[in-house]
Amino acid sequence: MDNPIVLQARTWLGTPFHHQARLKGKGCDCLGLIVGVVDELGLTDSEGKPLAGYDEINYSKEPDGAYLTQRLTGLLTEVPAAEARAGDVALFSMGKNPQHLAILSDYEGTLGMIHCYAQARRVVEHRLDKEWNNRLVKVFRWLP
């Protein structure tokens, strides 16, 4: 069965990279992709508040990794990386700092990732390869 989060995230493929943007087809960054998908799906926290309502746009191109980790931990449920599955949110280190987000996907029979990647200049999907797996810091789940 296809995961609704993954299906929605795929509708963002090709959206150009634009720091702090949140508009499908026009521009987003890695957080903007996550916010856009949860907004489109109407996902809420345990108290019914829309997850998109927690959005923040006051961050640099190299955000505070400790703050980002704290916010994710407060909103989503952390799961062991070995239990990661399509639809989960993955936090990756870029350099020394955890600061990049992706939605995990089922990609060509293996675990993949959908993310807005500045180097690719757009939202892309690819396999969660060894390089990205080595950068993986935490995995979070928002659906039971």
N, C-alpha and C. Protein backbone atom coordinates (compact mmCIF):
# COMPACT_ATOMS: atom_id res chain seq x y z
N MET A 1 0.84 -1.19 0.00
CA MET A 1 0.00 0.00 0.00
C MET A 1 0.89 1.25 0.00
N ASP A 2 0.57 2.19 -0.86
CA ASP A 2 1.36 3.41 -0.94
C ASP A 2 1.09 4.32 0.25
N ASN A 3 2.14 4.87 0.78
CA ASN A 3 2.06 5.75 1.94
C ASN A 3 1.56 7.13 1.48
N PRO A 4 0.52 7.69 2.11
CA PRO A 4 -0.01 8.98 1.67
C PRO A 4 1.00 10.12 1.81
N ILE A 5 1.89 10.05 2.79
CA ILE A 5 2.91 11.09 2.95
C ILE A 5 3.87 11.05 1.78
N VAL A 6 4.30 9.86 1.40
CA VAL A 6 5.22 9.71 0.27
C VAL A 6 4.54 10.15 -1.03
N LEU A 7 3.29 9.73 -1.22
CA LEU A 7 2.58 10.13 -2.43
C LEU A 7 2.47 11.64 -2.53
N GLN A 8 2.15 12.30 -1.41
CA GLN A 8 2.03 13.76 -1.42
C GLN A 8 3.39 14.40 -1.65
N ALA A 9 4.44 13.88 -1.00
CA ALA A 9 5.78 14.44 -1.18
C ALA A 9 6.22 14.35 -2.64
N ARG A 10 5.84 13.28 -3.31
CA ARG A 10 6.23 13.12 -4.73
C ARG A 10 5.60 14.19 -5.61
N THR A 11 4.49 14.77 -5.18
CA THR A 11 3.88 15.84 -5.99
C THR A 11 4.75 17.10 -5.95
N TRP A 12 5.71 17.15 -5.06
CA TRP A 12 6.64 18.28 -4.93
C TRP A 12 7.91 18.08 -5.74
N LEU A 13 8.11 16.89 -6.31
CA LEU A 13 9.33 16.63 -7.07
C LEU A 13 9.52 17.69 -8.15
N GLY A 14 10.74 18.18 -8.26
CA GLY A 14 11.06 19.20 -9.26
C GLY A 14 10.88 20.62 -8.77
N THR A 15 10.21 20.82 -7.62
CA THR A 15 10.05 22.18 -7.08
C THR A 15 11.44 22.76 -6.84
N PRO A 16 11.71 23.95 -7.35
CA PRO A 16 13.05 24.54 -7.21
C PRO A 16 13.40 24.84 -5.75
N PHE A 17 14.70 24.77 -5.46
CA PHE A 17 15.18 25.15 -4.14
C PHE A 17 15.09 26.65 -3.98
N HIS A 18 14.50 27.06 -2.86
CA HIS A 18 14.48 28.47 -2.48
C HIS A 18 14.43 28.52 -0.95
N HIS A 19 15.46 29.08 -0.36
CA HIS A 19 15.56 29.14 1.10
C HIS A 19 14.32 29.78 1.72
N GLN A 20 13.72 29.10 2.68
CA GLN A 20 12.56 29.51 3.46
C GLN A 20 11.25 29.58 2.69
N ALA A 21 11.21 29.09 1.47
CA ALA A 21 9.96 29.10 0.70
C ALA A 21 9.15 27.83 1.00
N ARG A 22 7.85 27.90 0.73
CA ARG A 22 6.93 26.79 1.01
C ARG A 22 5.84 26.68 -0.06
N LEU A 23 6.18 26.80 -1.33
CA LEU A 23 5.17 26.82 -2.38
C LEU A 23 5.50 25.78 -3.46
N LYS A 24 4.67 24.74 -3.50
CA LYS A 24 4.89 23.65 -4.45
C LYS A 24 4.97 24.18 -5.88
N GLY A 25 5.97 23.71 -6.61
CA GLY A 25 6.15 24.10 -7.99
C GLY A 25 6.88 25.42 -8.17
N LYS A 26 6.93 26.22 -7.12
CA LYS A 26 7.58 27.54 -7.20
C LYS A 26 8.89 27.59 -6.43
N GLY A 27 8.91 27.03 -5.22
CA GLY A 27 10.13 27.05 -4.43
C GLY A 27 9.92 26.56 -3.01
N CYS A 28 10.93 25.86 -2.47
CA CYS A 28 10.92 25.42 -1.08
C CYS A 28 12.35 25.05 -0.69
N ASP A 29 12.53 24.85 0.60
CA ASP A 29 13.77 24.27 1.10
C ASP A 29 13.38 22.95 1.78
N CYS A 30 14.31 22.31 2.48
CA CYS A 30 13.99 21.00 3.04
C CYS A 30 12.87 21.07 4.08
N LEU A 31 12.86 22.10 4.91
CA LEU A 31 11.78 22.26 5.88
C LEU A 31 10.49 22.66 5.18
N GLY A 32 10.59 23.50 4.18
CA GLY A 32 9.41 23.92 3.42
C GLY A 32 8.69 22.74 2.79
N LEU A 33 9.43 21.76 2.33
CA LEU A 33 8.83 20.54 1.77
C LEU A 33 8.03 19.82 2.84
N ILE A 34 8.62 19.63 4.02
CA ILE A 34 7.94 18.94 5.11
C ILE A 34 6.67 19.70 5.50
N VAL A 35 6.80 21.00 5.70
CA VAL A 35 5.66 21.84 6.09
C VAL A 35 4.57 21.78 5.02
N GLY A 36 4.96 21.87 3.77
CA GLY A 36 3.98 21.82 2.68
C GLY A 36 3.22 20.51 2.65
N VAL A 37 3.92 19.41 2.81
CA VAL A 37 3.27 18.10 2.78
C VAL A 37 2.32 17.93 3.96
N VAL A 38 2.74 18.28 5.17
CA VAL A 38 1.85 18.11 6.32
C VAL A 38 0.65 19.05 6.22
N ASP A 39 0.86 20.22 5.64
CA ASP A 39 -0.25 21.15 5.45
C ASP A 39 -1.25 20.59 4.45
N GLU A 40 -0.77 20.10 3.33
CA GLU A 40 -1.66 19.54 2.30
C GLU A 40 -2.45 18.34 2.83
N LEU A 41 -1.82 17.55 3.70
CA LEU A 41 -2.49 16.37 4.24
C LEU A 41 -3.30 16.67 5.50
N GLY A 42 -3.16 17.88 6.03
CA GLY A 42 -3.90 18.25 7.24
C GLY A 42 -3.46 17.48 8.48
N LEU A 43 -2.18 17.09 8.55
CA LEU A 43 -1.70 16.34 9.70
C LEU A 43 -1.68 17.22 10.95
N THR A 44 -2.02 16.61 12.09
CA THR A 44 -2.10 17.34 13.34
C THR A 44 -1.25 16.67 14.42
N ASP A 45 -1.01 17.44 15.50
CA ASP A 45 -0.32 16.87 16.64
C ASP A 45 -1.33 16.09 17.49
N SER A 46 -0.88 15.57 18.62
CA SER A 46 -1.75 14.75 19.47
C SER A 46 -2.94 15.52 20.04
N GLU A 47 -2.88 16.85 20.01
CA GLU A 47 -3.98 17.67 20.52
C GLU A 47 -4.84 18.27 19.41
N GLY A 48 -4.59 17.85 18.16
CA GLY A 48 -5.39 18.31 17.04
C GLY A 48 -4.92 19.59 16.38
N LYS A 49 -3.81 20.15 16.84
CA LYS A 49 -3.28 21.38 16.23
C LYS A 49 -2.54 21.01 14.94
N PRO A 50 -2.82 21.72 13.84
CA PRO A 50 -2.12 21.41 12.59
C PRO A 50 -0.59 21.50 12.75
N LEU A 51 0.11 20.45 12.30
CA LEU A 51 1.57 20.46 12.39
C LEU A 51 2.18 21.62 11.61
N ALA A 52 1.54 22.01 10.53
CA ALA A 52 2.06 23.14 9.74
C ALA A 52 2.06 24.43 10.55
N GLY A 53 1.25 24.49 11.59
CA GLY A 53 1.20 25.66 12.44
C GLY A 53 2.46 25.86 13.28
N TYR A 54 3.31 24.86 13.34
CA TYR A 54 4.57 24.97 14.08
C TYR A 54 5.70 25.49 13.20
N ASP A 55 5.39 25.82 11.97
CA ASP A 55 6.41 26.28 11.02
C ASP A 55 7.15 27.51 11.55
N GLU A 56 8.42 27.56 11.24
CA GLU A 56 9.26 28.71 11.57
C GLU A 56 10.05 29.08 10.33
N ILE A 57 10.23 30.38 10.12
CA ILE A 57 11.03 30.79 8.96
C ILE A 57 12.22 31.66 9.35
N ASN A 58 12.45 31.82 10.62
CA ASN A 58 13.60 32.61 11.06
C ASN A 58 14.80 31.71 11.31
N TYR A 59 15.36 31.16 10.25
CA TYR A 59 16.55 30.33 10.37
C TYR A 59 17.48 30.64 9.21
N SER A 60 18.76 30.41 9.47
CA SER A 60 19.76 30.68 8.45
C SER A 60 19.88 29.48 7.51
N LYS A 61 20.71 29.62 6.49
CA LYS A 61 20.93 28.50 5.58
C LYS A 61 21.66 27.36 6.28
N GLU A 62 22.25 27.64 7.43
CA GLU A 62 22.84 26.61 8.28
C GLU A 62 22.18 26.72 9.65
N PRO A 63 20.98 26.12 9.79
CA PRO A 63 20.21 26.30 11.02
C PRO A 63 20.87 25.65 12.24
N ASP A 64 20.39 26.05 13.40
CA ASP A 64 20.86 25.51 14.67
C ASP A 64 20.38 24.06 14.80
N GLY A 65 21.29 23.13 14.68
CA GLY A 65 20.95 21.71 14.71
C GLY A 65 20.35 21.26 16.02
N ALA A 66 20.82 21.81 17.14
CA ALA A 66 20.28 21.43 18.45
C ALA A 66 18.83 21.88 18.57
N TYR A 67 18.53 23.08 18.12
CA TYR A 67 17.16 23.59 18.18
C TYR A 67 16.25 22.78 17.26
N LEU A 68 16.71 22.50 16.06
CA LEU A 68 15.92 21.71 15.11
C LEU A 68 15.62 20.33 15.69
N THR A 69 16.62 19.69 16.26
CA THR A 69 16.43 18.38 16.87
C THR A 69 15.42 18.45 18.01
N GLN A 70 15.54 19.48 18.84
CA GLN A 70 14.62 19.66 19.97
C GLN A 70 13.18 19.83 19.48
N ARG A 71 12.98 20.65 18.45
CA ARG A 71 11.63 20.88 17.92
C ARG A 71 11.04 19.59 17.35
N LEU A 72 11.83 18.85 16.59
CA LEU A 72 11.35 17.59 16.02
C LEU A 72 10.99 16.60 17.11
N THR A 73 11.84 16.51 18.13
CA THR A 73 11.61 15.59 19.24
C THR A 73 10.34 15.94 19.99
N GLY A 74 10.02 17.22 20.07
CA GLY A 74 8.81 17.65 20.76
C GLY A 74 7.53 17.43 19.97
N LEU A 75 7.64 17.34 18.66
CA LEU A 75 6.45 17.22 17.82
C LEU A 75 6.19 15.81 17.29
N LEU A 76 7.24 15.06 17.04
CA LEU A 76 7.11 13.75 16.42
C LEU A 76 7.68 12.68 17.35
N THR A 77 7.49 11.44 16.99
CA THR A 77 7.99 10.33 17.79
C THR A 77 9.28 9.81 17.16
N GLU A 78 10.35 9.82 17.95
CA GLU A 78 11.62 9.29 17.43
C GLU A 78 11.54 7.78 17.39
N VAL A 79 12.05 7.20 16.30
CA VAL A 79 12.11 5.75 16.16
C VAL A 79 13.56 5.36 15.83
N PRO A 80 13.97 4.15 16.19
CA PRO A 80 15.33 3.73 15.85
C PRO A 80 15.53 3.74 14.34
N ALA A 81 16.71 4.14 13.91
CA ALA A 81 17.01 4.20 12.48
C ALA A 81 16.79 2.85 11.81
N ALA A 82 17.04 1.78 12.52
CA ALA A 82 16.85 0.43 11.96
C ALA A 82 15.37 0.15 11.66
N GLU A 83 14.46 0.91 12.26
CA GLU A 83 13.03 0.73 12.04
C GLU A 83 12.45 1.76 11.09
N ALA A 84 13.31 2.56 10.45
CA ALA A 84 12.85 3.59 9.52
C ALA A 84 12.03 2.98 8.40
N ARG A 85 10.99 3.71 8.01
CA ARG A 85 10.13 3.24 6.91
C ARG A 85 9.64 4.44 6.11
N ALA A 86 9.08 4.14 4.96
CA ALA A 86 8.54 5.18 4.09
C ALA A 86 7.52 6.01 4.85
N GLY A 87 7.62 7.34 4.70
CA GLY A 87 6.74 8.27 5.37
C GLY A 87 7.35 8.91 6.60
N ASP A 88 8.43 8.34 7.11
CA ASP A 88 9.12 8.92 8.26
C ASP A 88 9.91 10.15 7.83
N VAL A 89 10.23 10.99 8.80
CA VAL A 89 11.08 12.16 8.57
C VAL A 89 12.48 11.82 9.07
N ALA A 90 13.46 12.07 8.24
CA ALA A 90 14.85 11.80 8.60
C ALA A 90 15.61 13.12 8.76
N LEU A 91 16.44 13.17 9.79
CA LEU A 91 17.29 14.33 10.06
C LEU A 91 18.73 13.92 9.76
N PHE A 92 19.39 14.71 8.93
CA PHE A 92 20.75 14.42 8.49
C PHE A 92 21.71 15.52 8.90
N SER A 93 22.95 15.12 9.13
CA SER A 93 24.01 16.11 9.37
C SER A 93 24.57 16.57 8.04
N MET A 94 24.84 17.84 7.98
CA MET A 94 25.55 18.42 6.84
C MET A 94 26.78 19.06 7.48
N GLY A 95 27.93 18.48 7.26
CA GLY A 95 29.09 18.90 8.02
C GLY A 95 28.95 18.31 9.42
N LYS A 96 29.09 19.14 10.43
CA LYS A 96 29.00 18.67 11.81
C LYS A 96 27.62 18.85 12.42
N ASN A 97 26.74 19.53 11.72
CA ASN A 97 25.49 19.98 12.31
C ASN A 97 24.28 19.24 11.74
N PRO A 98 23.38 18.69 12.58
CA PRO A 98 22.14 18.12 12.05
C PRO A 98 21.25 19.26 11.57
N GLN A 99 21.03 19.33 10.25
CA GLN A 99 20.31 20.49 9.72
C GLN A 99 19.57 20.23 8.42
N HIS A 100 19.48 19.00 7.98
CA HIS A 100 18.81 18.71 6.72
C HIS A 100 17.72 17.67 6.95
N LEU A 101 16.55 17.89 6.34
CA LEU A 101 15.40 17.01 6.52
C LEU A 101 14.99 16.36 5.21
N ALA A 102 14.45 15.15 5.33
CA ALA A 102 13.91 14.44 4.18
C ALA A 102 12.75 13.58 4.62
N ILE A 103 11.88 13.27 3.68
CA ILE A 103 10.82 12.29 3.90
C ILE A 103 11.32 10.98 3.30
N LEU A 104 11.33 9.94 4.10
CA LEU A 104 11.78 8.65 3.60
C LEU A 104 10.71 8.06 2.69
N SER A 105 11.18 7.33 1.68
CA SER A 105 10.27 6.78 0.68
C SER A 105 10.64 5.34 0.36
N ASP A 106 9.76 4.70 -0.36
CA ASP A 106 10.03 3.37 -0.92
C ASP A 106 10.49 3.63 -2.35
N TYR A 107 11.76 3.45 -2.59
CA TYR A 107 12.34 3.84 -3.87
C TYR A 107 12.96 2.64 -4.55
N GLU A 108 12.36 2.21 -5.63
CA GLU A 108 12.87 1.09 -6.42
C GLU A 108 13.22 -0.12 -5.56
N GLY A 109 12.30 -0.47 -4.65
CA GLY A 109 12.47 -1.67 -3.84
C GLY A 109 13.36 -1.51 -2.63
N THR A 110 13.80 -0.30 -2.34
CA THR A 110 14.65 -0.06 -1.17
C THR A 110 14.20 1.24 -0.50
N LEU A 111 14.83 1.57 0.61
CA LEU A 111 14.50 2.81 1.29
C LEU A 111 15.13 3.98 0.53
N GLY A 112 14.32 4.98 0.28
CA GLY A 112 14.79 6.16 -0.43
C GLY A 112 14.48 7.40 0.38
N MET A 113 14.71 8.55 -0.25
CA MET A 113 14.44 9.82 0.42
C MET A 113 13.99 10.86 -0.58
N ILE A 114 13.04 11.68 -0.15
CA ILE A 114 12.56 12.81 -0.93
C ILE A 114 12.94 14.05 -0.14
N HIS A 115 13.67 14.95 -0.78
CA HIS A 115 14.12 16.15 -0.08
C HIS A 115 14.43 17.26 -1.06
N CYS A 116 14.38 18.47 -0.55
CA CYS A 116 14.78 19.61 -1.35
C CYS A 116 16.27 19.82 -1.07
N TYR A 117 17.06 19.53 -2.06
CA TYR A 117 18.50 19.49 -1.90
C TYR A 117 19.12 20.68 -2.64
N ALA A 118 19.75 21.55 -1.89
CA ALA A 118 20.32 22.78 -2.47
C ALA A 118 21.28 22.47 -3.60
N GLN A 119 22.09 21.41 -3.47
CA GLN A 119 23.04 21.09 -4.53
C GLN A 119 22.36 20.68 -5.82
N ALA A 120 21.19 20.04 -5.70
CA ALA A 120 20.43 19.65 -6.90
C ALA A 120 19.55 20.80 -7.38
N ARG A 121 19.37 21.81 -6.53
CA ARG A 121 18.57 23.00 -6.82
C ARG A 121 17.08 22.70 -6.97
N ARG A 122 16.63 21.56 -6.39
CA ARG A 122 15.21 21.21 -6.50
C ARG A 122 14.88 20.03 -5.56
N VAL A 123 13.60 19.70 -5.48
CA VAL A 123 13.16 18.52 -4.74
C VAL A 123 13.46 17.29 -5.59
N VAL A 124 14.12 16.32 -4.98
CA VAL A 124 14.54 15.11 -5.67
C VAL A 124 14.18 13.88 -4.84
N GLU A 125 14.16 12.74 -5.48
CA GLU A 125 14.00 11.45 -4.80
C GLU A 125 15.10 10.53 -5.29
N HIS A 126 15.71 9.83 -4.36
CA HIS A 126 16.76 8.87 -4.70
C HIS A 126 16.89 7.86 -3.58
N ARG A 127 17.71 6.87 -3.80
CA ARG A 127 17.98 5.83 -2.82
C ARG A 127 18.69 6.43 -1.60
N LEU A 128 18.39 5.90 -0.43
CA LEU A 128 19.12 6.26 0.79
C LEU A 128 20.42 5.46 0.76
N ASP A 129 21.42 6.02 0.09
CA ASP A 129 22.67 5.30 -0.13
C ASP A 129 23.59 5.38 1.09
N LYS A 130 24.76 4.79 0.97
CA LYS A 130 25.71 4.74 2.08
C LYS A 130 26.11 6.13 2.56
N GLU A 131 26.34 7.05 1.63
CA GLU A 131 26.73 8.41 2.01
C GLU A 131 25.66 9.08 2.86
N TRP A 132 24.40 9.00 2.42
CA TRP A 132 23.32 9.62 3.19
C TRP A 132 23.07 8.86 4.48
N ASN A 133 23.16 7.55 4.44
CA ASN A 133 22.97 6.76 5.65
C ASN A 133 24.00 7.12 6.71
N ASN A 134 25.22 7.42 6.29
CA ASN A 134 26.27 7.82 7.23
C ASN A 134 25.97 9.19 7.86
N ARG A 135 25.18 10.00 7.19
CA ARG A 135 24.81 11.33 7.70
C ARG A 135 23.55 11.30 8.56
N LEU A 136 22.84 10.18 8.56
CA LEU A 136 21.57 10.06 9.27
C LEU A 136 21.78 10.22 10.78
N VAL A 137 21.06 11.15 11.38
CA VAL A 137 21.17 11.44 12.81
C VAL A 137 20.00 10.84 13.58
N LYS A 138 18.78 11.10 13.12
CA LYS A 138 17.58 10.62 13.80
C LYS A 138 16.46 10.40 12.78
N VAL A 139 15.53 9.55 13.17
CA VAL A 139 14.34 9.28 12.36
C VAL A 139 13.12 9.52 13.24
N PHE A 140 12.12 10.20 12.66
CA PHE A 140 10.91 10.54 13.39
C PHE A 140 9.69 10.04 12.62
N ARG A 141 8.65 9.72 13.37
CA ARG A 141 7.40 9.25 12.76
C ARG A 141 6.25 10.12 13.25
N TRP A 142 5.35 10.46 12.35
CA TRP A 142 4.19 11.26 12.75
C TRP A 142 2.89 10.48 12.64
N LEU A 143 2.91 9.37 11.99
CA LEU A 143 1.71 8.52 11.93
C LEU A 143 1.97 7.23 12.67
N PRO A 144 0.96 6.70 13.36
CA PRO A 144 1.14 5.43 14.09
C PRO A 144 1.36 4.28 13.13
